[in-house]
Amino acid sequence: MTDAVLMRGQLNALKALNDALQAQVTTLQAQVTALQSQVNLMASQGAALAQQVSSLPTPEMVNDAIASNSAANANAVQLLDGTPSDPPTQMDVMGLMYKVNELITTVHRS
């Protein structure tokens, strides 16, 4: 009978250890589940960010847009030749006005 009491005590102690370990396992499983939810959320956010980034213009597209819409298009406007009279005549002022209008028109078309 003493052996039975001793054995029962040992089995009860093992059960208590097992129950404590089961509680730890349950806690760890809950933590793993929470972490997996966070990973899934981050993955979906990463996919959404990747989609947004893929819709952005490439550096080449930006460079092309800058080149096609920049003041470099005004390069077709020729420089003024000659020097105005001192004092400038009406023809000098009109020539200057025409050249400024040509430049403004060229820049507006860009």
Protein backbone atom coordinates (compact mmCIF):
# COMPACT_ATOMS: atom_id res chain seq x y z
CA MET A 1 0.00 0.00 0.00
CA THR A 2 2.88 2.36 0.68
CA ASP A 3 4.09 1.77 -2.84
CA ALA A 4 0.63 2.69 -4.15
CA VAL A 5 0.60 5.95 -2.17
CA LEU A 6 4.10 6.80 -3.35
CA MET A 7 3.20 5.94 -6.95
CA ARG A 8 0.00 8.03 -6.73
CA GLY A 9 2.01 11.01 -5.45
CA GLN A 10 4.47 10.69 -8.30
CA LEU A 11 1.68 10.39 -10.88
CA ASN A 12 -0.10 13.42 -9.43
CA ALA A 13 3.16 15.39 -9.59
CA LEU A 14 3.65 14.34 -13.23
CA LYS A 15 0.07 15.35 -14.03
CA ALA A 16 0.65 18.77 -12.45
CA LEU A 17 3.81 19.20 -14.57
CA ASN A 18 1.92 18.06 -17.66
CA ASP A 19 -0.95 20.47 -16.94
CA ALA A 20 1.53 23.35 -16.48
CA LEU A 21 3.26 22.47 -19.75
CA GLN A 22 -0.09 22.26 -21.52
CA ALA A 23 -0.92 25.78 -20.29
CA GLN A 24 2.42 27.01 -21.66
CA VAL A 25 1.79 25.26 -24.98
CA THR A 26 -1.66 26.85 -25.21
CA THR A 27 -0.15 30.29 -24.53
CA LEU A 28 2.56 29.74 -27.15
CA GLN A 29 -0.03 28.58 -29.69
CA ALA A 30 -2.02 31.78 -29.09
CA GLN A 31 1.15 33.85 -29.60
CA VAL A 32 1.97 31.99 -32.82
CA THR A 33 -1.57 32.57 -34.09
CA ALA A 34 -1.32 36.29 -33.29
CA LEU A 35 2.06 36.53 -35.01
CA GLN A 36 0.73 34.69 -38.06
CA SER A 37 -2.12 37.21 -38.26
CA GLN A 38 0.41 40.05 -38.16
CA VAL A 39 2.51 38.39 -40.87
CA ASN A 40 -0.58 37.97 -43.05
CA LEU A 41 -1.53 41.61 -42.54
CA MET A 42 2.00 42.76 -43.38
CA ALA A 43 2.02 40.57 -46.49
CA SER A 44 -1.22 42.10 -47.73
CA GLN A 45 0.08 45.60 -46.99
CA GLY A 46 3.29 44.75 -48.84
CA ALA A 47 1.28 43.57 -51.84
CA ALA A 48 -0.76 46.79 -51.80
CA LEU A 49 2.43 48.88 -51.63
CA ALA A 50 3.99 46.90 -54.47
CA GLN A 51 0.91 47.59 -56.59
CA GLN A 52 1.10 51.31 -55.79
CA VAL A 53 4.81 51.42 -56.61
CA SER A 54 4.28 49.61 -59.90
CA SER A 55 1.80 52.29 -60.95
CA LEU A 56 4.33 55.10 -60.42
CA PRO A 57 6.15 56.50 -63.44
CA THR A 58 9.63 55.17 -64.11
CA PRO A 59 12.64 57.50 -64.07
CA GLU A 60 12.74 57.25 -67.87
CA MET A 61 9.11 58.40 -68.08
CA VAL A 62 9.85 61.35 -65.81
CA ASN A 63 12.93 62.31 -67.83
CA ASP A 64 10.97 62.09 -71.09
CA ALA A 65 8.17 64.26 -69.66
CA ILE A 66 10.68 66.85 -68.49
CA ALA A 67 12.50 66.85 -71.83
CA SER A 68 9.32 67.18 -73.87
CA ASN A 69 7.81 69.93 -71.69
CA SER A 70 10.83 72.01 -70.83
CA ALA A 71 12.10 75.32 -72.04
CA ALA A 72 14.51 73.46 -74.31
CA ASN A 73 11.65 73.56 -76.83
CA ALA A 74 12.34 77.27 -77.13
CA ASN A 75 15.69 76.45 -78.76
CA ALA A 76 14.01 76.89 -82.16
CA VAL A 77 13.66 80.63 -81.50
CA GLN A 78 16.60 82.34 -83.16
CA LEU A 79 18.66 84.96 -81.36
CA LEU A 80 18.23 88.64 -82.18
CA ASP A 81 20.85 89.88 -84.60
CA GLY A 82 22.21 93.33 -84.71
CA THR A 83 22.14 96.04 -82.15
CA PRO A 84 19.36 98.57 -81.65
CA SER A 85 19.89 102.21 -82.43
CA ASP A 86 20.55 104.65 -79.62
CA PRO A 87 17.89 105.81 -78.99
CA PRO A 88 15.95 102.79 -80.28
CA THR A 89 13.71 103.36 -83.24
CA GLN A 90 10.16 102.15 -83.56
CA MET A 91 11.46 99.38 -85.86
CA ASP A 92 13.95 98.24 -83.16
CA VAL A 93 11.17 98.08 -80.55
CA MET A 94 8.82 96.27 -82.96
CA GLY A 95 11.53 93.72 -83.79
CA LEU A 96 12.07 93.11 -80.09
CA MET A 97 8.32 92.80 -79.52
CA TYR A 98 7.98 90.26 -82.35
CA LYS A 99 10.86 88.21 -80.97
CA VAL A 100 9.40 88.22 -77.44
CA ASN A 101 6.00 87.19 -78.86
CA GLU A 102 7.68 84.37 -80.84
CA LEU A 103 9.38 83.14 -77.66
CA ILE A 104 6.15 83.34 -75.63
CA THR A 105 4.23 81.46 -78.34
CA THR A 106 6.89 78.75 -78.48
CA VAL A 107 6.89 78.30 -74.70
CA HIS A 108 3.07 78.16 -74.60
CA ARG A 109 3.00 75.32 -77.14
CA SER A 110 5.15 73.11 -74.92
